[in-house]
Amino acid sequence: MGVKCGKGLAFIAHLCYYSCITNEKPTPRPVEGRAGRGVKQLKRKYTLRFDQIKNQWALKHDATDKTIKIFKSKEDSTRAGVLRKALGKLGGTVIIRTKTGTLDEERNFPEQS
């Protein structure tokens, strides 16, 4: 809905109205995300839990519920360096649950440069 205001600039209707009435330019909103692209970055939070249907352990992203990696046993997944490698350079937080679903532990993996 672009509208031409008295200054000859195309603005969105409500911004044009504001700038024509007050003779001020509206202040820009801060941009969230990387490199000013307006992309909001998801939190890097994961959960390692037992999948009873597949009878395996699954590392899933909490916000998207996307499976990152499947493991045959909890011991395979919690071995030194395995979770860090699965998360990659951006790191994150992994909540590890028991087979029954109760909280076992939480591990933090800082971002690697």
PDB file of N, CA and C in Angstrom:
ATOM      1  N   MET A   1       0.829  -1.173   0.000  1.00  0.00           N
ATOM      2  CA  MET A   1       0.000   0.000   0.000  1.00  0.00           C
ATOM      3  C   MET A   1       0.879   1.243   0.000  1.00  0.00           C
ATOM      4  N   GLY A   2       1.594   1.474  -1.046  1.00  0.00           N
ATOM      5  CA  GLY A   2       2.417   2.664  -1.133  1.00  0.00           C
ATOM      6  C   GLY A   2       1.581   3.878  -1.489  1.00  0.00           C
ATOM      7  N   VAL A   3       1.835   4.989  -0.842  1.00  0.00           N
ATOM      8  CA  VAL A   3       1.104   6.231  -1.083  1.00  0.00           C
ATOM      9  C   VAL A   3       2.127   7.333  -1.261  1.00  0.00           C
ATOM     10  N   LYS A   4       1.889   8.215  -2.200  1.00  0.00           N
ATOM     11  CA  LYS A   4       2.801   9.352  -2.363  1.00  0.00           C
ATOM     12  C   LYS A   4       2.362  10.447  -1.421  1.00  0.00           C
ATOM     13  N   CYS A   5       3.327  10.945  -0.656  1.00  0.00           N
ATOM     14  CA  CYS A   5       2.973  12.052   0.230  1.00  0.00           C
ATOM     15  C   CYS A   5       3.462  13.348  -0.411  1.00  0.00           C
ATOM     16  N   GLY A   6       3.225  14.447   0.252  1.00  0.00           N
ATOM     17  CA  GLY A   6       3.550  15.758  -0.293  1.00  0.00           C
ATOM     18  C   GLY A   6       5.017  15.933  -0.634  1.00  0.00           C
ATOM     19  N   LYS A   7       5.898  15.157  -0.030  1.00  0.00           N
ATOM     20  CA  LYS A   7       7.327  15.277  -0.293  1.00  0.00           C
ATOM     21  C   LYS A   7       7.746  14.487  -1.534  1.00  0.00           C
ATOM     22  N   GLY A   8       6.838  13.704  -2.105  1.00  0.00           N
ATOM     23  CA  GLY A   8       7.144  12.938  -3.302  1.00  0.00           C
ATOM     24  C   GLY A   8       7.808  11.603  -3.016  1.00  0.00           C
ATOM     25  N   LEU A   9       7.874  11.194  -1.769  1.00  0.00           N
ATOM     26  CA  LEU A   9       8.484   9.911  -1.417  1.00  0.00           C
ATOM     27  C   LEU A   9       7.402   8.870  -1.185  1.00  0.00           C
ATOM     28  N   ALA A  10       7.679   7.655  -1.593  1.00  0.00           N
ATOM     29  CA  ALA A  10       6.701   6.578  -1.393  1.00  0.00           C
ATOM     30  C   ALA A  10       6.908   5.967  -0.009  1.00  0.00           C
ATOM     31  N   PHE A  11       5.877   5.962   0.773  1.00  0.00           N
ATOM     32  CA  PHE A  11       5.906   5.381   2.116  1.00  0.00           C
ATOM     33  C   PHE A  11       4.724   4.442   2.267  1.00  0.00           C
ATOM     34  N   ILE A  12       4.783   3.612   3.256  1.00  0.00           N
ATOM     35  CA  ILE A  12       3.612   2.831   3.634  1.00  0.00           C
ATOM     36  C   ILE A  12       2.612   3.825   4.202  1.00  0.00           C
ATOM     37  N   ALA A  13       1.350   3.594   3.994  1.00  0.00           N
ATOM     38  CA  ALA A  13       0.312   4.586   4.274  1.00  0.00           C
ATOM     39  C   ALA A  13       0.423   5.229   5.649  1.00  0.00           C
ATOM     40  N   HIS A  14       0.549   4.472   6.705  1.00  0.00           N
ATOM     41  CA  HIS A  14       0.578   5.078   8.030  1.00  0.00           C
ATOM     42  C   HIS A  14       1.875   5.833   8.292  1.00  0.00           C
ATOM     43  N   LEU A  15       2.998   5.397   7.728  1.00  0.00           N
ATOM     44  CA  LEU A  15       4.252   6.119   7.892  1.00  0.00           C
ATOM     45  C   LEU A  15       4.228   7.433   7.121  1.00  0.00           C
ATOM     46  N   CYS A  16       3.614   7.405   5.932  1.00  0.00           N
ATOM     47  CA  CYS A  16       3.491   8.623   5.130  1.00  0.00           C
ATOM     48  C   CYS A  16       2.644   9.653   5.859  1.00  0.00           C
ATOM     49  N   TYR A  17       1.547   9.202   6.418  1.00  0.00           N
ATOM     50  CA  TYR A  17       0.666  10.100   7.142  1.00  0.00           C
ATOM     51  C   TYR A  17       1.412  10.745   8.303  1.00  0.00           C
ATOM     52  N   TYR A  18       2.153   9.925   9.038  1.00  0.00           N
ATOM     53  CA  TYR A  18       2.907  10.440  10.183  1.00  0.00           C
ATOM     54  C   TYR A  18       3.951  11.464   9.735  1.00  0.00           C
ATOM     55  N   SER A  19       4.700  11.148   8.691  1.00  0.00           N
ATOM     56  CA  SER A  19       5.770  12.053   8.265  1.00  0.00           C
ATOM     57  C   SER A  19       5.225  13.339   7.637  1.00  0.00           C
ATOM     58  N   CYS A  20       4.079  13.271   6.955  1.00  0.00           N
ATOM     59  CA  CYS A  20       3.499  14.474   6.355  1.00  0.00           C
ATOM     60  C   CYS A  20       2.932  15.406   7.421  1.00  0.00           C
ATOM     61  N   ILE A  21       2.342  14.859   8.460  1.00  0.00           N
ATOM     62  CA  ILE A  21       1.740  15.662   9.521  1.00  0.00           C
ATOM     63  C   ILE A  21       2.811  16.319  10.389  1.00  0.00           C
ATOM     64  N   THR A  22       3.827  15.545  10.789  1.00  0.00           N
ATOM     65  CA  THR A  22       4.809  16.043  11.754  1.00  0.00           C
ATOM     66  C   THR A  22       6.056  16.617  11.094  1.00  0.00           C
ATOM     67  N   ASN A  23       6.221  16.423   9.785  1.00  0.00           N
ATOM     68  CA  ASN A  23       7.436  16.817   9.065  1.00  0.00           C
ATOM     69  C   ASN A  23       8.694  16.178   9.653  1.00  0.00           C
ATOM     70  N   GLU A  24       8.538  14.979  10.198  1.00  0.00           N
ATOM     71  CA  GLU A  24       9.670  14.212  10.725  1.00  0.00           C
ATOM     72  C   GLU A  24       9.732  12.889   9.994  1.00  0.00           C
ATOM     73  N   LYS A  25      10.923  12.335   9.937  1.00  0.00           N
ATOM     74  CA  LYS A  25      11.053  10.985   9.415  1.00  0.00           C
ATOM     75  C   LYS A  25      10.857  10.020  10.576  1.00  0.00           C
ATOM     76  N   PRO A  26      10.117   8.939  10.350  1.00  0.00           N
ATOM     77  CA  PRO A  26       9.955   7.965  11.432  1.00  0.00           C
ATOM     78  C   PRO A  26      11.284   7.290  11.738  1.00  0.00           C
ATOM     79  N   THR A  27      11.501   6.986  13.006  1.00  0.00           N
ATOM     80  CA  THR A  27      12.750   6.329  13.393  1.00  0.00           C
ATOM     81  C   THR A  27      12.695   4.867  12.982  1.00  0.00           C
ATOM     82  N   PRO A  28      13.786   4.353  12.423  1.00  0.00           N
ATOM     83  CA  PRO A  28      13.786   2.950  12.007  1.00  0.00           C
ATOM     84  C   PRO A  28      13.797   2.016  13.214  1.00  0.00           C
ATOM     85  N   ARG A  29      13.187   0.857  13.053  1.00  0.00           N
ATOM     86  CA  ARG A  29      13.194  -0.153  14.105  1.00  0.00           C
ATOM     87  C   ARG A  29      14.519  -0.889  14.084  1.00  0.00           C
ATOM     88  N   PRO A  30      14.986  -1.337  15.247  1.00  0.00           N
ATOM     89  CA  PRO A  30      16.216  -2.133  15.256  1.00  0.00           C
ATOM     90  C   PRO A  30      15.977  -3.473  14.565  1.00  0.00           C
ATOM     91  N   VAL A  31      16.949  -3.916  13.824  1.00  0.00           N
ATOM     92  CA  VAL A  31      16.841  -5.169  13.082  1.00  0.00           C
ATOM     93  C   VAL A  31      17.428  -6.281  13.925  1.00  0.00           C
ATOM     94  N   GLU A  32      16.672  -7.381  14.041  1.00  0.00           N
ATOM     95  CA  GLU A  32      17.153  -8.525  14.796  1.00  0.00           C
ATOM     96  C   GLU A  32      17.803  -9.513  13.858  1.00  0.00           C
ATOM     97  N   GLY A  33      18.786 -10.244  14.366  1.00  0.00           N
ATOM     98  CA  GLY A  33      19.402 -11.288  13.576  1.00  0.00           C
ATOM     99  C   GLY A  33      20.784 -10.896  13.094  1.00  0.00           C
ATOM    100  N   ARG A  34      21.306 -11.727  12.219  1.00  0.00           N
ATOM    101  CA  ARG A  34      22.666 -11.546  11.722  1.00  0.00           C
ATOM    102  C   ARG A  34      22.693 -10.625  10.518  1.00  0.00           C
ATOM    103  N   ALA A  35      23.690  -9.816  10.431  1.00  0.00           N
ATOM    104  CA  ALA A  35      24.008  -8.978   9.270  1.00  0.00           C
ATOM    105  C   ALA A  35      22.858  -8.077   8.842  1.00  0.00           C
ATOM    106  N   GLY A  36      21.950  -7.751   9.754  1.00  0.00           N
ATOM    107  CA  GLY A  36      20.885  -6.811   9.451  1.00  0.00           C
ATOM    108  C   GLY A  36      19.908  -7.283   8.395  1.00  0.00           C
ATOM    109  N   ARG A  37      19.703  -8.559   8.261  1.00  0.00           N
ATOM    110  CA  ARG A  37      18.809  -9.080   7.234  1.00  0.00           C
ATOM    111  C   ARG A  37      17.388  -9.280   7.751  1.00  0.00           C
ATOM    112  N   GLY A  38      17.161  -8.947   9.022  1.00  0.00           N
ATOM    113  CA  GLY A  38      15.835  -9.116   9.584  1.00  0.00           C
ATOM    114  C   GLY A  38      15.499 -10.560   9.905  1.00  0.00           C
ATOM    115  N   VAL A  39      16.483 -11.441   9.900  1.00  0.00           N
ATOM    116  CA  VAL A  39      16.260 -12.849  10.195  1.00  0.00           C
ATOM    117  C   VAL A  39      16.444 -13.060  11.687  1.00  0.00           C
ATOM    118  N   LYS A  40      15.435 -13.604  12.323  1.00  0.00           N
ATOM    119  CA  LYS A  40      15.527 -13.859  13.749  1.00  0.00           C
ATOM    120  C   LYS A  40      16.154 -15.226  13.955  1.00  0.00           C
ATOM    121  N   GLN A  41      17.224 -15.288  14.710  1.00  0.00           N
ATOM    122  CA  GLN A  41      17.934 -16.538  14.915  1.00  0.00           C
ATOM    123  C   GLN A  41      17.256 -17.352  16.008  1.00  0.00           C
ATOM    124  N   LEU A  42      17.075 -18.634  15.743  1.00  0.00           N
ATOM    125  CA  LEU A  42      16.475 -19.522  16.719  1.00  0.00           C
ATOM    126  C   LEU A  42      17.468 -19.825  17.830  1.00  0.00           C
ATOM    127  N   LYS A  43      16.935 -20.051  19.024  1.00  0.00           N
ATOM    128  CA  LYS A  43      17.804 -20.430  20.127  1.00  0.00           C
ATOM    129  C   LYS A  43      18.351 -21.816  19.870  1.00  0.00           C
ATOM    130  N   ARG A  44      19.586 -22.006  20.254  1.00  0.00           N
ATOM    131  CA  ARG A  44      20.254 -23.286  20.040  1.00  0.00           C
ATOM    132  C   ARG A  44      20.037 -24.163  21.275  1.00  0.00           C
ATOM    133  N   LYS A  45      18.831 -24.696  21.410  1.00  0.00           N
ATOM    134  CA  LYS A  45      18.479 -25.529  22.546  1.00  0.00           C
ATOM    135  C   LYS A  45      17.950 -26.862  22.028  1.00  0.00           C
ATOM    136  N   TYR A  46      18.500 -27.949  22.558  1.00  0.00           N
ATOM    137  CA  TYR A  46      18.178 -29.294  22.076  1.00  0.00           C
ATOM    138  C   TYR A  46      17.825 -30.192  23.251  1.00  0.00           C
ATOM    139  N   THR A  47      17.145 -31.294  22.936  1.00  0.00           N
ATOM    140  CA  THR A  47      16.822 -32.296  23.948  1.00  0.00           C
ATOM    141  C   THR A  47      17.179 -33.673  23.398  1.00  0.00           C
ATOM    142  N   LEU A  48      17.867 -34.449  24.236  1.00  0.00           N
ATOM    143  CA  LEU A  48      18.179 -35.841  23.915  1.00  0.00           C
ATOM    144  C   LEU A  48      17.200 -36.693  24.701  1.00  0.00           C
ATOM    145  N   ARG A  49      16.320 -37.407  23.981  1.00  0.00           N
ATOM    146  CA  ARG A  49      15.319 -38.233  24.659  1.00  0.00           C
ATOM    147  C   ARG A  49      15.134 -39.550  23.924  1.00  0.00           C
ATOM    148  N   PHE A  50      14.555 -40.493  24.630  1.00  0.00           N
ATOM    149  CA  PHE A  50      14.317 -41.815  24.059  1.00  0.00           C
ATOM    150  C   PHE A  50      13.027 -41.802  23.250  1.00  0.00           C
ATOM    151  N   ASP A  51      13.106 -42.276  22.005  1.00  0.00           N
ATOM    152  CA  ASP A  51      11.943 -42.393  21.135  1.00  0.00           C
ATOM    153  C   ASP A  51      11.437 -43.836  21.229  1.00  0.00           C
ATOM    154  N   GLN A  52      10.284 -44.027  21.874  1.00  0.00           N
ATOM    155  CA  GLN A  52       9.777 -45.380  22.105  1.00  0.00           C
ATOM    156  C   GLN A  52       9.297 -46.053  20.830  1.00  0.00           C
ATOM    157  N   ILE A  53       8.873 -45.276  19.856  1.00  0.00           N
ATOM    158  CA  ILE A  53       8.401 -45.860  18.597  1.00  0.00           C
ATOM    159  C   ILE A  53       9.567 -46.454  17.805  1.00  0.00           C
ATOM    160  N   LYS A  54      10.653 -45.684  17.699  1.00  0.00           N
ATOM    161  CA  LYS A  54      11.827 -46.146  16.951  1.00  0.00           C
ATOM    162  C   LYS A  54      12.793 -46.944  17.812  1.00  0.00           C
ATOM    163  N   ASN A  55      12.570 -46.941  19.128  1.00  0.00           N
ATOM    164  CA  ASN A  55      13.429 -47.643  20.081  1.00  0.00           C
ATOM    165  C   ASN A  55      14.881 -47.175  19.979  1.00  0.00           C
ATOM    166  N   GLN A  56      15.051 -45.842  19.818  1.00  0.00           N
ATOM    167  CA  GLN A  56      16.375 -45.224  19.715  1.00  0.00           C
ATOM    168  C   GLN A  56      16.360 -43.889  20.450  1.00  0.00           C
ATOM    169  N   TRP A  57      17.551 -43.340  20.646  1.00  0.00           N
ATOM    170  CA  TRP A  57      17.699 -42.029  21.276  1.00  0.00           C
ATOM    171  C   TRP A  57      17.791 -40.977  20.190  1.00  0.00           C
ATOM    172  N   ALA A  58      17.039 -39.880  20.341  1.00  0.00           N
ATOM    173  CA  ALA A  58      16.991 -38.833  19.325  1.00  0.00           C
ATOM    174  C   ALA A  58      17.394 -37.496  19.926  1.00  0.00           C
ATOM    175  N   LEU A  59      18.271 -36.778  19.213  1.00  0.00           N
ATOM    176  CA  LEU A  59      18.645 -35.411  19.570  1.00  0.00           C
ATOM    177  C   LEU A  59      17.797 -34.496  18.698  1.00  0.00           C
ATOM    178  N   LYS A  60      16.896 -33.705  19.354  1.00  0.00           N
ATOM    179  CA  LYS A  60      15.967 -32.861  18.608  1.00  0.00           C
ATOM    180  C   LYS A  60      16.126 -31.399  19.011  1.00  0.00           C
ATOM    181  N   HIS A  61      15.939 -30.515  18.025  1.00  0.00           N
ATOM    182  CA  HIS A  61      15.924 -29.076  18.262  1.00  0.00           C
ATOM    183  C   HIS A  61      14.593 -28.744  18.926  1.00  0.00           C
ATOM    184  N   ASP A  62      14.629 -28.030  20.054  1.00  0.00           N
ATOM    185  CA  ASP A  62      13.406 -27.777  20.814  1.00  0.00           C
ATOM    186  C   ASP A  62      12.407 -26.887  20.074  1.00  0.00           C
ATOM    187  N   ALA A  63      12.864 -25.861  19.393  1.00  0.00           N
ATOM    188  CA  ALA A  63      11.959 -24.914  18.740  1.00  0.00           C
ATOM    189  C   ALA A  63      11.299 -25.498  17.491  1.00  0.00           C
ATOM    190  N   THR A  64      12.039 -26.279  16.717  1.00  0.00           N
ATOM    191  CA  THR A  64      11.506 -26.793  15.453  1.00  0.00           C
ATOM    192  C   THR A  64      11.094 -28.260  15.521  1.00  0.00           C
ATOM    193  N   ASP A  65      11.486 -28.962  16.574  1.00  0.00           N
ATOM    194  CA  ASP A  65      11.233 -30.390  16.759  1.00  0.00           C
ATOM    195  C   ASP A  65      11.880 -31.232  15.652  1.00  0.00           C
ATOM    196  N   LYS A  66      12.880 -30.674  14.997  1.00  0.00           N
ATOM    197  CA  LYS A  66      13.604 -31.387  13.941  1.00  0.00           C
ATOM    198  C   LYS A  66      14.636 -32.318  14.576  1.00  0.00           C
ATOM    199  N   THR A  67      14.696 -33.548  14.091  1.00  0.00           N
ATOM    200  CA  THR A  67      15.674 -34.507  14.593  1.00  0.00           C
ATOM    201  C   THR A  67      17.033 -34.199  13.993  1.00  0.00           C
ATOM    202  N   ILE A  68      18.023 -33.979  14.854  1.00  0.00           N
ATOM    203  CA  ILE A  68      19.378 -33.658  14.422  1.00  0.00           C
ATOM    204  C   ILE A  68      20.186 -34.923  14.206  1.00  0.00           C
ATOM    205  N   LYS A  69      20.070 -35.844  15.161  1.00  0.00           N
ATOM    206  CA  LYS A  69      20.840 -37.086  15.056  1.00  0.00           C
ATOM    207  C   LYS A  69      20.140 -38.178  15.859  1.00  0.00           C
ATOM    208  N   ILE A  70      20.277 -39.428  15.390  1.00  0.00           N
ATOM    209  CA  ILE A  70      19.718 -40.600  16.058  1.00  0.00           C
ATOM    210  C   ILE A  70      20.887 -41.439  16.595  1.00  0.00           C
ATOM    211  N   PHE A  71      20.719 -41.951  17.811  1.00  0.00           N
ATOM    212  CA  PHE A  71      21.738 -42.795  18.436  1.00  0.00           C
ATOM    213  C   PHE A  71      21.111 -44.116  18.856  1.00  0.00           C
ATOM    214  N   LYS A  72      21.910 -45.193  18.840  1.00  0.00           N
ATOM    215  CA  LYS A  72      21.408 -46.514  19.238  1.00  0.00           C
ATOM    216  C   LYS A  72      21.248 -46.633  20.740  1.00  0.00           C
ATOM    217  N   SER A  73      22.128 -45.947  21.494  1.00  0.00           N
ATOM    218  CA  SER A  73      22.035 -46.007  22.949  1.00  0.00           C
ATOM    219  C   SER A  73      22.380 -44.644  23.546  1.00  0.00           C
ATOM    220  N   LYS A  74      21.996 -44.473  24.802  1.00  0.00           N
ATOM    221  CA  LYS A  74      22.300 -43.224  25.494  1.00  0.00           C
ATOM    222  C   LYS A  74      23.806 -43.094  25.703  1.00  0.00           C
ATOM    223  N   GLU A  75      24.468 -44.193  25.945  1.00  0.00           N
ATOM    224  CA  GLU A  75      25.923 -44.177  26.138  1.00  0.00           C
ATOM    225  C   GLU A  75      26.646 -43.708  24.879  1.00  0.00           C
ATOM    226  N   ASP A  76      26.164 -44.126  23.709  1.00  0.00           N
ATOM    227  CA  ASP A  76      26.762 -43.684  22.440  1.00  0.00           C
ATOM    228  C   ASP A  76      26.638 -42.171  22.265  1.00  0.00           C
ATOM    229  N   SER A  77      25.510 -41.620  22.685  1.00  0.00           N
ATOM    230  CA  SER A  77      25.269 -40.193  22.473  1.00  0.00           C
ATOM    231  C   SER A  77      25.989 -39.309  23.483  1.00  0.00           C
ATOM    232  N   THR A  78      26.184 -39.796  24.701  1.00  0.00           N
ATOM    233  CA  THR A  78      26.785 -38.961  25.746  1.00  0.00           C
ATOM    234  C   THR A  78      28.290 -39.164  25.873  1.00  0.00           C
ATOM    235  N   ARG A  79      28.880 -39.936  24.997  1.00  0.00           N
ATOM    236  CA  ARG A  79      30.340 -40.097  25.000  1.00  0.00           C
ATOM    237  C   ARG A  79      31.025 -38.772  24.702  1.00  0.00           C
ATOM    238  N   ALA A  80      32.256 -38.649  25.128  1.00  0.00           N
ATOM    239  CA  ALA A  80      33.017 -37.398  24.976  1.00  0.00           C
ATOM    240  C   ALA A  80      33.064 -36.943  23.516  1.00  0.00           C
ATOM    241  N   GLY A  81      32.623 -35.726  23.262  1.00  0.00           N
ATOM    242  CA  GLY A  81      32.739 -35.101  21.950  1.00  0.00           C
ATOM    243  C   GLY A  81      31.630 -35.415  20.970  1.00  0.00           C
ATOM    244  N   VAL A  82      30.774 -36.377  21.258  1.00  0.00           N
ATOM    245  CA  VAL A  82      29.741 -36.774  20.295  1.00  0.00           C
ATOM    246  C   VAL A  82      28.664 -35.686  20.163  1.00  0.00           C
ATOM    247  N   LEU A  83      28.171 -35.185  21.285  1.00  0.00           N
ATOM    248  CA  LEU A  83      27.149 -34.132  21.219  1.00  0.00           C
ATOM    249  C   LEU A  83      27.721 -32.838  20.652  1.00  0.00           C
ATOM    250  N   ARG A  84      28.955 -32.502  21.039  1.00  0.00           N
ATOM    251  CA  ARG A  84      29.603 -31.291  20.515  1.00  0.00           C
ATOM    252  C   ARG A  84      29.716 -31.364  18.991  1.00  0.00           C
ATOM    253  N   LYS A  85      30.075 -32.525  18.488  1.00  0.00           N
ATOM    254  CA  LYS A  85      30.206 -32.705  17.041  1.00  0.00           C
ATOM    255  C   LYS A  85      28.844 -32.620  16.353  1.00  0.00           C
ATOM    256  N   ALA A  86      27.804 -33.150  17.004  1.00  0.00           N
ATOM    257  CA  ALA A  86      26.454 -33.118  16.420  1.00  0.00           C
ATOM    258  C   ALA A  86      25.916 -31.692  16.342  1.00  0.00           C
ATOM    259  N   LEU A  87      26.274 -30.838  17.316  1.00  0.00           N
ATOM    260  CA  LEU A  87      25.787 -29.459  17.328  1.00  0.00           C
ATOM    261  C   LEU A  87      26.562 -28.557  16.375  1.00  0.00           C
ATOM    262  N   GLY A  88      27.798 -28.893  16.101  1.00  0.00           N
ATOM    263  CA  GLY A  88      28.591 -28.088  15.180  1.00  0.00           C
ATOM    264  C   GLY A  88      29.241 -26.893  15.860  1.00  0.00           C
ATOM    265  N   LYS A  89      29.739 -25.960  15.053  1.00  0.00           N
ATOM    266  CA  LYS A  89      30.490 -24.813  15.565  1.00  0.00           C
ATOM    267  C   LYS A  89      29.646 -23.830  16.361  1.00  0.00           C
ATOM    268  N   LEU A  90      28.343 -23.756  16.096  1.00  0.00           N
ATOM    269  CA  LEU A  90      27.487 -22.803  16.799  1.00  0.00           C
ATOM    270  C   LEU A  90      27.169 -23.234  18.225  1.00  0.00           C
ATOM    271  N   GLY A  91      27.366 -24.512  18.528  1.00  0.00           N
ATOM    272  CA  GLY A  91      27.142 -24.992  19.886  1.00  0.00           C
ATOM    273  C   GLY A  91      25.685 -24.929  20.292  1.00  0.00           C
ATOM    274  N   GLY A  92      25.452 -24.904  21.610  1.00  0.00           N
ATOM    275  CA  GLY A  92      24.094 -24.835  22.130  1.00  0.00           C
ATOM    276  C   GLY A  92      23.981 -25.529  23.467  1.00  0.00           C
ATOM    277  N   THR A  93      22.761 -25.687  23.918  1.00  0.00           N
ATOM    278  CA  THR A  93      22.465 -26.339  25.185  1.00  0.00           C
ATOM    279  C   THR A  93      21.701 -27.625  24.904  1.00  0.00           C
ATOM    280  N   VAL A  94      22.142 -28.722  25.534  1.00  0.00           N
ATOM    281  CA  VAL A  94      21.473 -30.006  25.365  1.00  0.00           C
ATOM    282  C   VAL A  94      20.919 -30.441  26.717  1.00  0.00           C
ATOM    283  N   ILE A  95      19.619 -30.708  26.754  1.00  0.00           N
ATOM    284  CA  ILE A  95      18.983 -31.265  27.935  1.00  0.00           C
ATOM    285  C   ILE A  95      18.877 -32.762  27.710  1.00  0.00           C
ATOM    286  N   ILE A  96      19.445 -33.526  28.627  1.00  0.00           N
ATOM    287  CA  ILE A  96      19.461 -34.985  28.507  1.00  0.00           C
ATOM    288  C   ILE A  96      18.404 -35.547  29.461  1.00  0.00           C
ATOM    289  N   ARG A  97      17.517 -36.358  28.916  1.00  0.00           N
ATOM    290  CA  ARG A  97      16.449 -36.964  29.715  1.00  0.00           C
ATOM    291  C   ARG A  97      16.696 -38.462  29.878  1.00  0.00           C
ATOM    292  N   THR A  98      16.097 -39.035  30.906  1.00  0.00           N
ATOM    293  CA  THR A  98      16.198 -40.478  31.114  1.00  0.00           C
ATOM    294  C   THR A  98      15.228 -41.180  30.171  1.00  0.00           C
ATOM    295  N   LYS A  99      15.240 -42.500  30.193  1.00  0.00           N
ATOM    296  CA  LYS A  99      14.362 -43.270  29.324  1.00  0.00           C
ATOM    297  C   LYS A  99      12.894 -43.024  29.645  1.00  0.00           C
ATOM    298  N   THR A 100      12.598 -42.686  30.908  1.00  0.00           N
ATOM    299  CA  THR A 100      11.217 -42.413  31.315  1.00  0.00           C
ATOM    300  C   THR A 100      10.805 -40.969  31.054  1.00  0.00           C
ATOM    301  N   GLY A 101      11.755 -40.097  30.699  1.00  0.00           N
ATOM    302  CA  GLY A 101      11.437 -38.717  30.356  1.00  0.00           C
ATOM    303  C   GLY A 101      11.776 -37.692  31.419  1.00  0.00           C
ATOM    304  N   THR A 102      12.285 -38.113  32.565  1.00  0.00           N
ATOM    305  CA  THR A 102      12.650 -37.144  33.601  1.00  0.00           C
ATOM    306  C   THR A 102      14.011 -36.525  33.287  1.00  0.00           C
ATOM    307  N   LEU A 103      14.229 -35.324  33.813  1.00  0.00           N
ATOM    308  CA  LEU A 103      15.466 -34.594  33.551  1.00  0.00           C
ATOM    309  C   LEU A 103      16.649 -35.312  34.182  1.00  0.00           C
ATOM    310  N   ASP A 104      17.672 -35.561  33.383  1.00  0.00           N
ATOM    311  CA  ASP A 104      18.886 -36.220  33.866  1.00  0.00           C
ATOM    312  C   ASP A 104      19.984 -35.189  34.080  1.00  0.00           C
ATOM    313  N   GLU A 105      20.333 -34.454  33.018  1.00  0.00           N
ATOM    314  CA  GLU A 105      21.352 -33.407  33.126  1.00  0.00           C
ATOM    315  C   GLU A 105      21.222 -32.419  31.976  1.00  0.00           C
ATOM    316  N   GLU A 106      21.964 -31.318  32.099  1.00  0.00           N
ATOM    317  CA  GLU A 106      21.995 -30.291  31.066  1.00  0.00           C
ATOM    318  C   GLU A 106      23.451 -29.991  30.751  1.00  0.00           C
ATOM    319  N   ARG A 107      23.780 -29.971  29.473  1.00  0.00           N
ATOM    320  CA  ARG A 107      25.156 -29.680  29.041  1.00  0.00           C
ATOM    321  C   ARG A 107      25.165 -28.476  28.132  1.00  0.00           C
ATOM    322  N   ASN A 108      26.120 -27.593  28.356  1.00  0.00           N
ATOM    323  CA  ASN A 108      26.286 -26.390  27.523  1.00  0.00           C
ATOM    324  C   ASN A 108      27.535 -26.522  26.676  1.00  0.00           C
ATOM    325  N   PHE A 109      27.401 -26.224  25.401  1.00  0.00           N
ATOM    326  CA  PHE A 109      28.516 -26.260  24.469  1.00  0.00           C
ATOM    327  C   PHE A 109      28.680 -24.874  23.873  1.00  0.00           C
ATOM    328  N   PRO A 110      29.721 -24.153  24.266  1.00  0.00           N
ATOM    329  CA  PRO A 110      29.901 -22.783  23.768  1.00  0.00           C
ATOM    330  C   PRO A 110      30.209 -22.758  22.272  1.00  0.00           C
ATOM    331  N   GLU A 111      29.946 -21.599  21.685  1.00  0.00           N
ATOM    332  CA  GLU A 111      30.231 -21.382  20.260  1.00  0.00           C
ATOM    333  C   GLU A 111      31.730 -21.451  20.029  1.00  0.00           C
ATOM    334  N   GLN A 112      32.134 -22.181  18.998  1.00  0.00           N
ATOM    335  CA  GLN A 112      33.552 -22.293  18.665  1.00  0.00           C
ATOM    336  C   GLN A 112      33.905 -21.311  17.571  1.00  0.00           C
ATOM    337  N   SER A 113      35.078 -20.717  17.681  1.00  0.00           N
ATOM    338  CA  SER A 113      35.478 -19.767  16.639  1.00  0.00           C
ATOM    339  C   SER A 113      36.412 -20.376  15.634  1.00  0.00           C
TER     340      SER A 113
END
